[in-house]
């Protein structure tokens, strides 16, 4: 199931099952590898379109810091 902003596949949050890691982001482009080194997942690049994006592998949510600009680059 795709998320409403069509930013990628986003897991449906299920209380008690889906991890609720919310990490601050200083840029609209973030890289996620699960944070477990060899126990993580493949490195994926995620783009924050509005205020947050959720990793389709590990369900970590990256929330854009309020003082970060638009970052309208490539």
C-alpha atoms as a PDB file:
ATOM      1  CA  UNK A   1       0.000   0.000   0.000  1.00  0.00           C
ATOM      2  CA  UNK A   2       1.427   3.389  -0.986  1.00  0.00           C
ATOM      3  CA  UNK A   3       1.390   6.419   1.249  1.00  0.00           C
ATOM      4  CA  UNK A   4      -0.832   9.394   0.244  1.00  0.00           C
ATOM      5  CA  UNK A   5       2.093  11.532  -0.957  1.00  0.00           C
ATOM      6  CA  UNK A   6       3.405   8.725  -3.195  1.00  0.00           C
ATOM      7  CA  UNK A   7       6.896   9.020  -1.684  1.00  0.00           C
ATOM      8  CA  UNK A   8       7.400   5.261  -1.551  1.00  0.00           C
ATOM      9  CA  UNK A   9       6.045   2.231   0.203  1.00  0.00           C
ATOM     10  CA  UNK A  10       5.237   3.022   3.800  1.00  0.00           C
ATOM     11  CA  UNK A  11       4.327   0.375   6.364  1.00  0.00           C
ATOM     12  CA  UNK A  12       1.015   0.652   8.158  1.00  0.00           C
ATOM     13  CA  UNK A  13       1.693   1.423  11.814  1.00  0.00           C
ATOM     14  CA  UNK A  14       0.347  -1.221  14.178  1.00  0.00           C
ATOM     15  CA  UNK A  15       0.571  -0.433  17.886  1.00  0.00           C
ATOM     16  CA  UNK A  16       2.777  -2.880  19.755  1.00  0.00           C
ATOM     17  CA  UNK A  17       4.163  -4.405  16.543  1.00  0.00           C
ATOM     18  CA  UNK A  18       5.601  -1.665  14.341  1.00  0.00           C
ATOM     19  CA  UNK A  19       8.649   0.104  15.821  1.00  0.00           C
ATOM     20  CA  UNK A  20       8.086   3.773  16.478  1.00  0.00           C
ATOM     21  CA  UNK A  21      11.599   5.163  16.030  1.00  0.00           C
ATOM     22  CA  UNK A  22      11.300   8.852  15.161  1.00  0.00           C
ATOM     23  CA  UNK A  23      14.638  10.371  14.201  1.00  0.00           C
ATOM     24  CA  UNK A  24      15.333  14.055  13.472  1.00  0.00           C
ATOM     25  CA  UNK A  25      16.467  14.924   9.938  1.00  0.00           C
ATOM     26  CA  UNK A  26      18.577  17.964   9.044  1.00  0.00           C
ATOM     27  CA  UNK A  27      18.037  17.495   5.281  1.00  0.00           C
ATOM     28  CA  UNK A  28      15.161  16.404   3.013  1.00  0.00           C
ATOM     29  CA  UNK A  29      17.356  13.567   1.690  1.00  0.00           C
ATOM     30  CA  UNK A  30      18.098  10.889   4.283  1.00  0.00           C
ATOM     31  CA  UNK A  31      19.881   7.540   4.106  1.00  0.00           C
ATOM     32  CA  UNK A  32      18.669   4.581   6.158  1.00  0.00           C
ATOM     33  CA  UNK A  33      20.418   1.246   6.665  1.00  0.00           C
ATOM     34  CA  UNK A  34      18.462   0.035   9.680  1.00  0.00           C
ATOM     35  CA  UNK A  35      21.209   1.100  12.073  1.00  0.00           C
ATOM     36  CA  UNK A  36      22.255  -2.428  12.885  1.00  0.00           C
ATOM     37  CA  UNK A  37      25.439  -2.607  10.824  1.00  0.00           C
ATOM     38  CA  UNK A  38      25.504  -6.094   9.322  1.00  0.00           C
ATOM     39  CA  UNK A  39      22.176  -6.810  11.032  1.00  0.00           C
ATOM     40  CA  UNK A  40      20.458  -3.831   9.363  1.00  0.00           C
ATOM     41  CA  UNK A  41      19.054  -3.709   5.824  1.00  0.00           C
ATOM     42  CA  UNK A  42      20.304  -2.459   2.439  1.00  0.00           C
ATOM     43  CA  UNK A  43      21.056   1.264   2.348  1.00  0.00           C
ATOM     44  CA  UNK A  44      18.079   3.171   0.928  1.00  0.00           C
ATOM     45  CA  UNK A  45      17.815   6.862   0.120  1.00  0.00           C
ATOM     46  CA  UNK A  46      14.556   8.472   1.230  1.00  0.00           C
ATOM     47  CA  UNK A  47      13.197  11.916   0.353  1.00  0.00           C
ATOM     48  CA  UNK A  48      11.092  13.917   2.804  1.00  0.00           C
ATOM     49  CA  UNK A  49       8.382  15.575   0.725  1.00  0.00           C
ATOM     50  CA  UNK A  50       6.318  17.186   3.498  1.00  0.00           C
ATOM     51  CA  UNK A  51       7.525  16.776   7.088  1.00  0.00           C
ATOM     52  CA  UNK A  52       8.414  13.088   7.471  1.00  0.00           C
ATOM     53  CA  UNK A  53       9.090   9.818   5.676  1.00  0.00           C
ATOM     54  CA  UNK A  54       9.063   6.215   6.941  1.00  0.00           C
ATOM     55  CA  UNK A  55      11.593   3.600   5.859  1.00  0.00           C
ATOM     56  CA  UNK A  56       9.860   0.693   4.094  1.00  0.00           C
ATOM     57  CA  UNK A  57      12.360  -1.811   5.561  1.00  0.00           C
ATOM     58  CA  UNK A  58      12.624  -0.972   9.264  1.00  0.00           C
ATOM     59  CA  UNK A  59       9.725   1.474   9.855  1.00  0.00           C
ATOM     60  CA  UNK A  60      12.008   4.193  11.224  1.00  0.00           C
ATOM     61  CA  UNK A  61      10.421   7.584  10.709  1.00  0.00           C
ATOM     62  CA  UNK A  62      12.584  10.557   9.792  1.00  0.00           C
ATOM     63  CA  UNK A  63      10.986  13.867  10.777  1.00  0.00           C
ATOM     64  CA  UNK A  64      12.314  17.110   9.321  1.00  0.00           C
ATOM     65  CA  UNK A  65      13.569  19.594  11.916  1.00  0.00           C
ATOM     66  CA  UNK A  66      11.417  22.759  11.997  1.00  0.00           C
ATOM     67  CA  UNK A  67      14.322  25.099  11.168  1.00  0.00           C
ATOM     68  CA  UNK A  68      15.379  23.278   7.957  1.00  0.00           C
ATOM     69  CA  UNK A  69      14.700  25.110   4.674  1.00  0.00           C
ATOM     70  CA  UNK A  70      13.131  23.823   1.462  1.00  0.00           C
ATOM     71  CA  UNK A  71      16.262  22.238  -0.054  1.00  0.00           C
ATOM     72  CA  UNK A  72      14.946  22.459  -3.622  1.00  0.00           C
ATOM     73  CA  UNK A  73      18.033  20.820  -5.147  1.00  0.00           C
ATOM     74  CA  UNK A  74      18.227  17.633  -7.164  1.00  0.00           C
END
